[in-house]
Amino acid sequence: MKIGENTEFKLELKTIISIIVLTSTFMGMYYTLQGEIEEAKKLPPAEVKRLEYDLKREWMESHILNLEKDVKELKQEVKTIDKELHHGNKKR
């Protein structure tokens, strides 16, 4: 490829308009984002309140207790099934 005085480069009007619109969109997004970042810098830092922490901890503890209960029930069911299987095999 050789670029010289006789080299032609053709762009349709539709392509030029698309490039301008795309560039304008990106510039608008950039400046909007920059404005939001500056606004966010002025806000006070988010604080985790004691109530939030306690509620989350309480939820986790109750969830763990429920899971432990479910595991115990499943263990009991497995023991029951195991006994049924062993007794069933002995009868045959």
PDB file of N, CA and C in Angstrom:
ATOM      1  N   MET A   1       0.851  -1.171   0.000  1.00  0.00           N
ATOM      2  CA  MET A   1       0.000   0.000   0.000  1.00  0.00           C
ATOM      3  C   MET A   1       0.899   1.237   0.000  1.00  0.00           C
ATOM      4  N   LYS A   2       0.651   2.085  -0.933  1.00  0.00           N
ATOM      5  CA  LYS A   2       1.470   3.274  -1.075  1.00  0.00           C
ATOM      6  C   LYS A   2       0.566   4.504  -1.014  1.00  0.00           C
ATOM      7  N   ILE A   3       0.887   5.418  -0.141  1.00  0.00           N
ATOM      8  CA  ILE A   3       0.090   6.631  -0.020  1.00  0.00           C
ATOM      9  C   ILE A   3       0.866   7.760  -0.672  1.00  0.00           C
ATOM     10  N   GLY A   4       0.212   8.409  -1.595  1.00  0.00           N
ATOM     11  CA  GLY A   4       0.844   9.515  -2.310  1.00  0.00           C
ATOM     12  C   GLY A   4      -0.213  10.524  -2.728  1.00  0.00           C
ATOM     13  N   GLU A   5       0.172  11.396  -3.669  1.00  0.00           N
ATOM     14  CA  GLU A   5      -0.760  12.422  -4.147  1.00  0.00           C
ATOM     15  C   GLU A   5      -1.946  11.820  -4.872  1.00  0.00           C
ATOM     16  N   ASN A   6      -1.770  10.708  -5.494  1.00  0.00           N
ATOM     17  CA  ASN A   6      -2.843  10.109  -6.289  1.00  0.00           C
ATOM     18  C   ASN A   6      -3.720   9.156  -5.467  1.00  0.00           C
ATOM     19  N   THR A   7      -3.406   8.943  -4.189  1.00  0.00           N
ATOM     20  CA  THR A   7      -4.184   8.033  -3.354  1.00  0.00           C
ATOM     21  C   THR A   7      -5.530   8.659  -3.019  1.00  0.00           C
ATOM     22  N   GLU A   8      -6.585   7.864  -3.198  1.00  0.00           N
ATOM     23  CA  GLU A   8      -7.927   8.354  -2.901  1.00  0.00           C
ATOM     24  C   GLU A   8      -8.442   7.656  -1.647  1.00  0.00           C
ATOM     25  N   PHE A   9      -9.105   8.434  -0.829  1.00  0.00           N
ATOM     26  CA  PHE A   9      -9.692   7.916   0.393  1.00  0.00           C
ATOM     27  C   PHE A   9     -11.129   8.405   0.410  1.00  0.00           C
ATOM     28  N   LYS A  10     -12.079   7.475   0.316  1.00  0.00           N
ATOM     29  CA  LYS A  10     -13.476   7.867   0.209  1.00  0.00           C
ATOM     30  C   LYS A  10     -14.225   7.510   1.484  1.00  0.00           C
ATOM     31  N   LEU A  11     -14.982   8.466   1.961  1.00  0.00           N
ATOM     32  CA  LEU A  11     -15.872   8.242   3.095  1.00  0.00           C
ATOM     33  C   LEU A  11     -17.257   8.722   2.696  1.00  0.00           C
ATOM     34  N   GLU A  12     -18.248   7.926   3.036  1.00  0.00           N
ATOM     35  CA  GLU A  12     -19.612   8.350   2.762  1.00  0.00           C
ATOM     36  C   GLU A  12     -20.047   9.312   3.853  1.00  0.00           C
ATOM     37  N   LEU A  13     -21.005  10.141   3.540  1.00  0.00           N
ATOM     38  CA  LEU A  13     -21.541  11.092   4.506  1.00  0.00           C
ATOM     39  C   LEU A  13     -22.106  10.363   5.716  1.00  0.00           C
ATOM     40  N   LYS A  14     -22.734   9.223   5.479  1.00  0.00           N
ATOM     41  CA  LYS A  14     -23.315   8.414   6.556  1.00  0.00           C
ATOM     42  C   LYS A  14     -22.219   7.957   7.531  1.00  0.00           C
ATOM     43  N   THR A  15     -21.069   7.584   7.021  1.00  0.00           N
ATOM     44  CA  THR A  15     -19.955   7.137   7.861  1.00  0.00           C
ATOM     45  C   THR A  15     -19.401   8.294   8.680  1.00  0.00           C
ATOM     46  N   ILE A  16     -19.263   9.451   8.077  1.00  0.00           N
ATOM     47  CA  ILE A  16     -18.745  10.628   8.778  1.00  0.00           C
ATOM     48  C   ILE A  16     -19.694  11.022   9.913  1.00  0.00           C
ATOM     49  N   ILE A  17     -20.989  11.029   9.631  1.00  0.00           N
ATOM     50  CA  ILE A  17     -21.978  11.368  10.657  1.00  0.00           C
ATOM     51  C   ILE A  17     -21.930  10.343  11.785  1.00  0.00           C
ATOM     52  N   SER A  18     -21.785   9.072  11.465  1.00  0.00           N
ATOM     53  CA  SER A  18     -21.707   8.022  12.492  1.00  0.00           C
ATOM     54  C   SER A  18     -20.493   8.225  13.387  1.00  0.00           C
ATOM     55  N   ILE A  19     -19.359   8.580  12.800  1.00  0.00           N
ATOM     56  CA  ILE A  19     -18.137   8.818  13.577  1.00  0.00           C
ATOM     57  C   ILE A  19     -18.328  10.011  14.511  1.00  0.00           C
ATOM     58  N   ILE A  20     -18.949  11.073  14.016  1.00  0.00           N
ATOM     59  CA  ILE A  20     -19.178  12.273  14.827  1.00  0.00           C
ATOM     60  C   ILE A  20     -20.132  11.956  15.988  1.00  0.00           C
ATOM     61  N   VAL A  21     -21.209  11.236  15.691  1.00  0.00           N
ATOM     62  CA  VAL A  21     -22.183  10.887  16.734  1.00  0.00           C
ATOM     63  C   VAL A  21     -21.531   9.993  17.786  1.00  0.00           C
ATOM     64  N   LEU A  22     -20.763   9.014  17.370  1.00  0.00           N
ATOM     65  CA  LEU A  22     -20.099   8.102  18.292  1.00  0.00           C
ATOM     66  C   LEU A  22     -19.099   8.849  19.183  1.00  0.00           C
ATOM     67  N   THR A  23     -18.321   9.727  18.570  1.00  0.00           N
ATOM     68  CA  THR A  23     -17.344  10.510  19.334  1.00  0.00           C
ATOM     69  C   THR A  23     -18.052  11.426  20.337  1.00  0.00           C
ATOM     70  N   SER A  24     -19.127  12.073  19.905  1.00  0.00           N
ATOM     71  CA  SER A  24     -19.886  12.951  20.801  1.00  0.00           C
ATOM     72  C   SER A  24     -20.481  12.169  21.958  1.00  0.00           C
ATOM     73  N   THR A  25     -20.975  10.980  21.683  1.00  0.00           N
ATOM     74  CA  THR A  25     -21.553  10.138  22.732  1.00  0.00           C
ATOM     75  C   THR A  25     -20.502   9.777  23.770  1.00  0.00           C
ATOM     76  N   PHE A  26     -19.342   9.344  23.312  1.00  0.00           N
ATOM     77  CA  PHE A  26     -18.268   8.987  24.248  1.00  0.00           C
ATOM     78  C   PHE A  26     -17.803  10.198  25.067  1.00  0.00           C
ATOM     79  N   MET A  27     -17.713  11.343  24.439  1.00  0.00           N
ATOM     80  CA  MET A  27     -17.301  12.545  25.171  1.00  0.00           C
ATOM     81  C   MET A  27     -18.346  12.913  26.227  1.00  0.00           C
ATOM     82  N   GLY A  28     -19.608  12.816  25.874  1.00  0.00           N
ATOM     83  CA  GLY A  28     -20.675  13.111  26.827  1.00  0.00           C
ATOM     84  C   GLY A  28     -20.651  12.150  28.002  1.00  0.00           C
ATOM     85  N   MET A  29     -20.452  10.882  27.722  1.00  0.00           N
ATOM     86  CA  MET A  29     -20.374   9.883  28.781  1.00  0.00           C
ATOM     87  C   MET A  29     -19.177  10.157  29.684  1.00  0.00           C
ATOM     88  N   TYR A  30     -18.066  10.536  29.102  1.00  0.00           N
ATOM     89  CA  TYR A  30     -16.847  10.804  29.874  1.00  0.00           C
ATOM     90  C   TYR A  30     -17.076  11.972  30.833  1.00  0.00           C
ATOM     91  N   TYR A  31     -17.620  13.082  30.328  1.00  0.00           N
ATOM     92  CA  TYR A  31     -17.822  14.252  31.183  1.00  0.00           C
ATOM     93  C   TYR A  31     -18.897  14.009  32.238  1.00  0.00           C
ATOM     94  N   THR A  32     -19.921  13.244  31.895  1.00  0.00           N
ATOM     95  CA  THR A  32     -20.942  12.892  32.886  1.00  0.00           C
ATOM     96  C   THR A  32     -20.320  12.060  33.997  1.00  0.00           C
ATOM     97  N   LEU A  33     -19.525  11.087  33.637  1.00  0.00           N
ATOM     98  CA  LEU A  33     -18.859  10.231  34.619  1.00  0.00           C
ATOM     99  C   LEU A  33     -17.912  11.041  35.502  1.00  0.00           C
ATOM    100  N   GLN A  34     -17.176  11.946  34.906  1.00  0.00           N
ATOM    101  CA  GLN A  34     -16.269  12.785  35.684  1.00  0.00           C
ATOM    102  C   GLN A  34     -17.046  13.639  36.690  1.00  0.00           C
ATOM    103  N   GLY A  35     -18.187  14.173  36.268  1.00  0.00           N
ATOM    104  CA  GLY A  35     -19.014  14.967  37.174  1.00  0.00           C
ATOM    105  C   GLY A  35     -19.541  14.139  38.333  1.00  0.00           C
ATOM    106  N   GLU A  36     -19.976  12.922  38.039  1.00  0.00           N
ATOM    107  CA  GLU A  36     -20.475  12.044  39.094  1.00  0.00           C
ATOM    108  C   GLU A  36     -19.363  11.638  40.063  1.00  0.00           C
ATOM    109  N   ILE A  37     -18.172  11.451  39.553  1.00  0.00           N
ATOM    110  CA  ILE A  37     -17.039  11.105  40.419  1.00  0.00           C
ATOM    111  C   ILE A  37     -16.731  12.267  41.361  1.00  0.00           C
ATOM    112  N   GLU A  38     -16.728  13.481  40.838  1.00  0.00           N
ATOM    113  CA  GLU A  38     -16.465  14.652  41.678  1.00  0.00           C
ATOM    114  C   GLU A  38     -17.548  14.813  42.739  1.00  0.00           C
ATOM    115  N   GLU A  39     -18.794  14.558  42.363  1.00  0.00           N
ATOM    116  CA  GLU A  39     -19.905  14.651  43.318  1.00  0.00           C
ATOM    117  C   GLU A  39     -19.765  13.581  44.398  1.00  0.00           C
ATOM    118  N   ALA A  40     -19.367  12.390  44.005  1.00  0.00           N
ATOM    119  CA  ALA A  40     -19.207  11.296  44.962  1.00  0.00           C
ATOM    120  C   ALA A  40     -18.065  11.572  45.935  1.00  0.00           C
ATOM    121  N   LYS A  41     -17.048  12.271  45.482  1.00  0.00           N
ATOM    122  CA  LYS A  41     -15.921  12.610  46.361  1.00  0.00           C
ATOM    123  C   LYS A  41     -16.360  13.536  47.498  1.00  0.00           C
ATOM    124  N   LYS A  42     -17.394  14.340  47.258  1.00  0.00           N
ATOM    125  CA  LYS A  42     -17.872  15.289  48.262  1.00  0.00           C
ATOM    126  C   LYS A  42     -18.768  14.643  49.305  1.00  0.00           C
ATOM    127  N   LEU A  43     -19.304  13.475  48.997  1.00  0.00           N
ATOM    128  CA  LEU A  43     -20.204  12.796  49.925  1.00  0.00           C
ATOM    129  C   LEU A  43     -19.423  12.198  51.093  1.00  0.00           C
ATOM    130  N   PRO A  44     -20.068  12.092  52.249  1.00  0.00           N
ATOM    131  CA  PRO A  44     -19.376  11.459  53.385  1.00  0.00           C
ATOM    132  C   PRO A  44     -19.206   9.965  53.132  1.00  0.00           C
ATOM    133  N   PRO A  45     -18.187   9.353  53.708  1.00  0.00           N
ATOM    134  CA  PRO A  45     -17.982   7.918  53.495  1.00  0.00           C
ATOM    135  C   PRO A  45     -19.139   7.109  54.100  1.00  0.00           C
ATOM    136  N   ALA A  46     -19.442   6.001  53.478  1.00  0.00           N
ATOM    137  CA  ALA A  46     -20.523   5.146  53.958  1.00  0.00           C
ATOM    138  C   ALA A  46     -20.108   4.483  55.261  1.00  0.00           C
ATOM    139  N   GLU A  47     -21.020   4.464  56.207  1.00  0.00           N
ATOM    140  CA  GLU A  47     -20.728   3.857  57.498  1.00  0.00           C
ATOM    141  C   GLU A  47     -21.622   2.643  57.697  1.00  0.00           C
ATOM    142  N   VAL A  48     -21.031   1.592  58.207  1.00  0.00           N
ATOM    143  CA  VAL A  48     -21.819   0.427  58.564  1.00  0.00           C
ATOM    144  C   VAL A  48     -22.264   0.652  59.997  1.00  0.00           C
ATOM    145  N   LYS A  49     -23.548   0.783  60.161  1.00  0.00           N
ATOM    146  CA  LYS A  49     -24.075   1.064  61.494  1.00  0.00           C
ATOM    147  C   LYS A  49     -24.133  -0.204  62.313  1.00  0.00           C
ATOM    148  N   ARG A  50     -24.106  -0.032  63.600  1.00  0.00           N
ATOM    149  CA  ARG A  50     -24.114  -1.171  64.524  1.00  0.00           C
ATOM    150  C   ARG A  50     -25.367  -2.019  64.316  1.00  0.00           C
ATOM    151  N   LEU A  51     -26.497  -1.374  64.068  1.00  0.00           N
ATOM    152  CA  LEU A  51     -27.744  -2.105  63.869  1.00  0.00           C
ATOM    153  C   LEU A  51     -27.649  -3.017  62.647  1.00  0.00           C
ATOM    154  N   GLU A  52     -27.085  -2.492  61.560  1.00  0.00           N
ATOM    155  CA  GLU A  52     -26.904  -3.310  60.356  1.00  0.00           C
ATOM    156  C   GLU A  52     -26.050  -4.532  60.660  1.00  0.00           C
ATOM    157  N   TYR A  53     -24.956  -4.297  61.361  1.00  0.00           N
ATOM    158  CA  TYR A  53     -24.043  -5.387  61.701  1.00  0.00           C
ATOM    159  C   TYR A  53     -24.752  -6.425  62.555  1.00  0.00           C
ATOM    160  N   ASP A  54     -25.487  -5.970  63.564  1.00  0.00           N
ATOM    161  CA  ASP A  54     -26.187  -6.906  64.451  1.00  0.00           C
ATOM    162  C   ASP A  54     -27.246  -7.703  63.699  1.00  0.00           C
ATOM    163  N   LEU A  55     -27.988  -7.045  62.818  1.00  0.00           N
ATOM    164  CA  LEU A  55     -29.018  -7.751  62.050  1.00  0.00           C
ATOM    165  C   LEU A  55     -28.406  -8.798  61.134  1.00  0.00           C
ATOM    166  N   LYS A  56     -27.313  -8.435  60.487  1.00  0.00           N
ATOM    167  CA  LYS A  56     -26.660  -9.386  59.585  1.00  0.00           C
ATOM    168  C   LYS A  56     -26.109 -10.571  60.376  1.00  0.00           C
ATOM    169  N   ARG A  57     -25.531 -10.294  61.527  1.00  0.00           N
ATOM    170  CA  ARG A  57     -24.981 -11.358  62.368  1.00  0.00           C
ATOM    171  C   ARG A  57     -26.098 -12.272  62.870  1.00  0.00           C
ATOM    172  N   GLU A  58     -27.198 -11.670  63.284  1.00  0.00           N
ATOM    173  CA  GLU A  58     -28.344 -12.442  63.763  1.00  0.00           C
ATOM    174  C   GLU A  58     -28.897 -13.334  62.656  1.00  0.00           C
ATOM    175  N   TRP A  59     -28.989 -12.784  61.438  1.00  0.00           N
ATOM    176  CA  TRP A  59     -29.491 -13.567  60.316  1.00  0.00           C
ATOM    177  C   TRP A  59     -28.559 -14.748  60.026  1.00  0.00           C
ATOM    178  N   MET A  60     -27.256 -14.502  60.050  1.00  0.00           N
ATOM    179  CA  MET A  60     -26.300 -15.574  59.772  1.00  0.00           C
ATOM    180  C   MET A  60     -26.374 -16.662  60.836  1.00  0.00           C
ATOM    181  N   GLU A  61     -26.491 -16.268  62.091  1.00  0.00           N
ATOM    182  CA  GLU A  61     -26.574 -17.257  63.162  1.00  0.00           C
ATOM    183  C   GLU A  61     -27.822 -18.108  63.022  1.00  0.00           C
ATOM    184  N   SER A  62     -28.961 -17.474  62.733  1.00  0.00           N
ATOM    185  CA  SER A  62     -30.196 -18.250  62.584  1.00  0.00           C
ATOM    186  C   SER A  62     -30.111 -19.160  61.358  1.00  0.00           C
ATOM    187  N   HIS A  63     -29.476 -18.676  60.309  1.00  0.00           N
ATOM    188  CA  HIS A  63     -29.312 -19.482  59.102  1.00  0.00           C
ATOM    189  C   HIS A  63     -28.442 -20.711  59.396  1.00  0.00           C
ATOM    190  N   ILE A  64     -27.375 -20.513  60.133  1.00  0.00           N
ATOM    191  CA  ILE A  64     -26.488 -21.625  60.496  1.00  0.00           C
ATOM    192  C   ILE A  64     -27.226 -22.629  61.375  1.00  0.00           C
ATOM    193  N   LEU A  65     -28.010 -22.133  62.323  1.00  0.00           N
ATOM    194  CA  LEU A  65     -28.772 -23.044  63.191  1.00  0.00           C
ATOM    195  C   LEU A  65     -29.779 -23.858  62.385  1.00  0.00           C
ATOM    196  N   ASN A  66     -30.424 -23.228  61.434  1.00  0.00           N
ATOM    197  CA  ASN A  66     -31.363 -23.960  60.570  1.00  0.00           C
ATOM    198  C   ASN A  66     -30.643 -25.021  59.746  1.00  0.00           C
ATOM    199  N   LEU A  67     -29.467 -24.674  59.258  1.00  0.00           N
ATOM    200  CA  LEU A  67     -28.696 -25.647  58.480  1.00  0.00           C
ATOM    201  C   LEU A  67     -28.265 -26.827  59.350  1.00  0.00           C
ATOM    202  N   GLU A  68     -27.849 -26.548  60.582  1.00  0.00           N
ATOM    203  CA  GLU A  68     -27.461 -27.628  61.490  1.00  0.00           C
ATOM    204  C   GLU A  68     -28.646 -28.546  61.758  1.00  0.00           C
ATOM    205  N   LYS A  69     -29.814 -27.966  61.950  1.00  0.00           N
ATOM    206  CA  LYS A  69     -31.024 -28.757  62.182  1.00  0.00           C
ATOM    207  C   LYS A  69     -31.316 -29.640  60.966  1.00  0.00           C
ATOM    208  N   ASP A  70     -31.215 -29.061  59.771  1.00  0.00           N
ATOM    209  CA  ASP A  70     -31.452 -29.827  58.546  1.00  0.00           C
ATOM    210  C   ASP A  70     -30.454 -30.972  58.407  1.00  0.00           C
ATOM    211  N   VAL A  71     -29.192 -30.725  58.736  1.00  0.00           N
ATOM    212  CA  VAL A  71     -28.169 -31.767  58.644  1.00  0.00           C
ATOM    213  C   VAL A  71     -28.482 -32.900  59.616  1.00  0.00           C
ATOM    214  N   LYS A  72     -28.907 -32.567  60.837  1.00  0.00           N
ATOM    215  CA  LYS A  72     -29.260 -33.606  61.813  1.00  0.00           C
ATOM    216  C   LYS A  72     -30.423 -34.455  61.303  1.00  0.00           C
ATOM    217  N   GLU A  73     -31.428 -33.782  60.719  1.00  0.00           N
ATOM    218  CA  GLU A  73     -32.573 -34.523  60.173  1.00  0.00           C
ATOM    219  C   GLU A  73     -32.126 -35.442  59.033  1.00  0.00           C
ATOM    220  N   LEU A  74     -31.255 -34.940  58.182  1.00  0.00           N
ATOM    221  CA  LEU A  74     -30.769 -35.760  57.064  1.00  0.00           C
ATOM    222  C   LEU A  74     -29.958 -36.953  57.569  1.00  0.00           C
ATOM    223  N   LYS A  75     -29.152 -36.742  58.607  1.00  0.00           N
ATOM    224  CA  LYS A  75     -28.378 -37.850  59.174  1.00  0.00           C
ATOM    225  C   LYS A  75     -29.316 -38.920  59.712  1.00  0.00           C
ATOM    226  N   GLN A  76     -30.378 -38.476  60.377  1.00  0.00           N
ATOM    227  CA  GLN A  76     -31.336 -39.431  60.928  1.00  0.00           C
ATOM    228  C   GLN A  76     -32.015 -40.214  59.807  1.00  0.00           C
ATOM    229  N   GLU A  77     -32.383 -39.532  58.739  1.00  0.00           N
ATOM    230  CA  GLU A  77     -33.008 -40.211  57.604  1.00  0.00           C
ATOM    231  C   GLU A  77     -32.049 -41.215  56.969  1.00  0.00           C
ATOM    232  N   VAL A  78     -30.777 -40.843  56.861  1.00  0.00           N
ATOM    233  CA  VAL A  78     -29.789 -41.751  56.285  1.00  0.00           C
ATOM    234  C   VAL A  78     -29.646 -42.996  57.165  1.00  0.00           C
ATOM    235  N   LYS A  79     -29.631 -42.798  58.482  1.00  0.00           N
ATOM    236  CA  LYS A  79     -29.536 -43.946  59.395  1.00  0.00           C
ATOM    237  C   LYS A  79     -30.742 -44.855  59.237  1.00  0.00           C
ATOM    238  N   THR A  80     -31.920 -44.259  59.119  1.00  0.00           N
ATOM    239  CA  THR A  80     -33.141 -45.039  58.952  1.00  0.00           C
ATOM    240  C   THR A  80     -33.090 -45.832  57.652  1.00  0.00           C
ATOM    241  N   ILE A  81     -32.701 -45.192  56.586  1.00  0.00           N
ATOM    242  CA  ILE A  81     -32.614 -45.874  55.284  1.00  0.00           C
ATOM    243  C   ILE A  81     -31.565 -46.971  55.335  1.00  0.00           C
ATOM    244  N   ASP A  82     -30.447 -46.688  55.980  1.00  0.00           N
ATOM    245  CA  ASP A  82     -29.374 -47.670  56.108  1.00  0.00           C
ATOM    246  C   ASP A  82     -29.870 -48.908  56.867  1.00  0.00           C
ATOM    247  N   LYS A  83     -30.603 -48.694  57.968  1.00  0.00           N
ATOM    248  CA  LYS A  83     -31.144 -49.818  58.735  1.00  0.00           C
ATOM    249  C   LYS A  83     -32.113 -50.628  57.890  1.00  0.00           C
ATOM    250  N   GLU A  84     -32.968 -49.931  57.146  1.00  0.00           N
ATOM    251  CA  GLU A  84     -33.937 -50.626  56.294  1.00  0.00           C
ATOM    252  C   GLU A  84     -33.232 -51.463  55.231  1.00  0.00           C
ATOM    253  N   LEU A  85     -32.165 -50.935  54.675  1.00  0.00           N
ATOM    254  CA  LEU A  85     -31.422 -51.670  53.649  1.00  0.00           C
ATOM    255  C   LEU A  85     -30.750 -52.911  54.245  1.00  0.00           C
ATOM    256  N   HIS A  86     -30.144 -52.755  55.405  1.00  0.00           N
ATOM    257  CA  HIS A  86     -29.461 -53.887  56.029  1.00  0.00           C
ATOM    258  C   HIS A  86     -30.445 -54.951  56.501  1.00  0.00           C
ATOM    259  N   HIS A  87     -31.566 -54.550  57.070  1.00  0.00           N
ATOM    260  CA  HIS A  87     -32.565 -55.515  57.505  1.00  0.00           C
ATOM    261  C   HIS A  87     -33.229 -56.193  56.310  1.00  0.00           C
ATOM    262  N   GLY A  88     -33.416 -55.450  55.236  1.00  0.00           N
ATOM    263  CA  GLY A  88     -34.013 -56.022  54.038  1.00  0.00           C
ATOM    264  C   GLY A  88     -33.110 -57.072  53.412  1.00  0.00           C
ATOM    265  N   ASN A  89     -31.796 -56.853  53.414  1.00  0.00           N
ATOM    266  CA  ASN A  89     -30.843 -57.812  52.851  1.00  0.00           C
ATOM    267  C   ASN A  89     -30.731 -59.061  53.704  1.00  0.00           C
ATOM    268  N   LYS A  90     -30.882 -58.948  55.014  1.00  0.00           N
ATOM    269  CA  LYS A  90     -30.779 -60.109  55.911  1.00  0.00           C
ATOM    270  C   LYS A  90     -31.962 -61.035  55.776  1.00  0.00           C
ATOM    271  N   LYS A  91     -33.147 -60.477  55.452  1.00  0.00           N
ATOM    272  CA  LYS A  91     -34.366 -61.275  55.315  1.00  0.00           C
ATOM    273  C   LYS A  91     -34.331 -62.141  54.073  1.00  0.00           C
ATOM    274  N   ARG A  92     -33.621 -61.743  53.075  1.00  0.00           N
ATOM    275  CA  ARG A  92     -33.584 -62.500  51.798  1.00  0.00           C
ATOM    276  C   ARG A  92     -32.734 -63.681  51.871  1.00  0.00           C
TER     277      ARG A  92
END
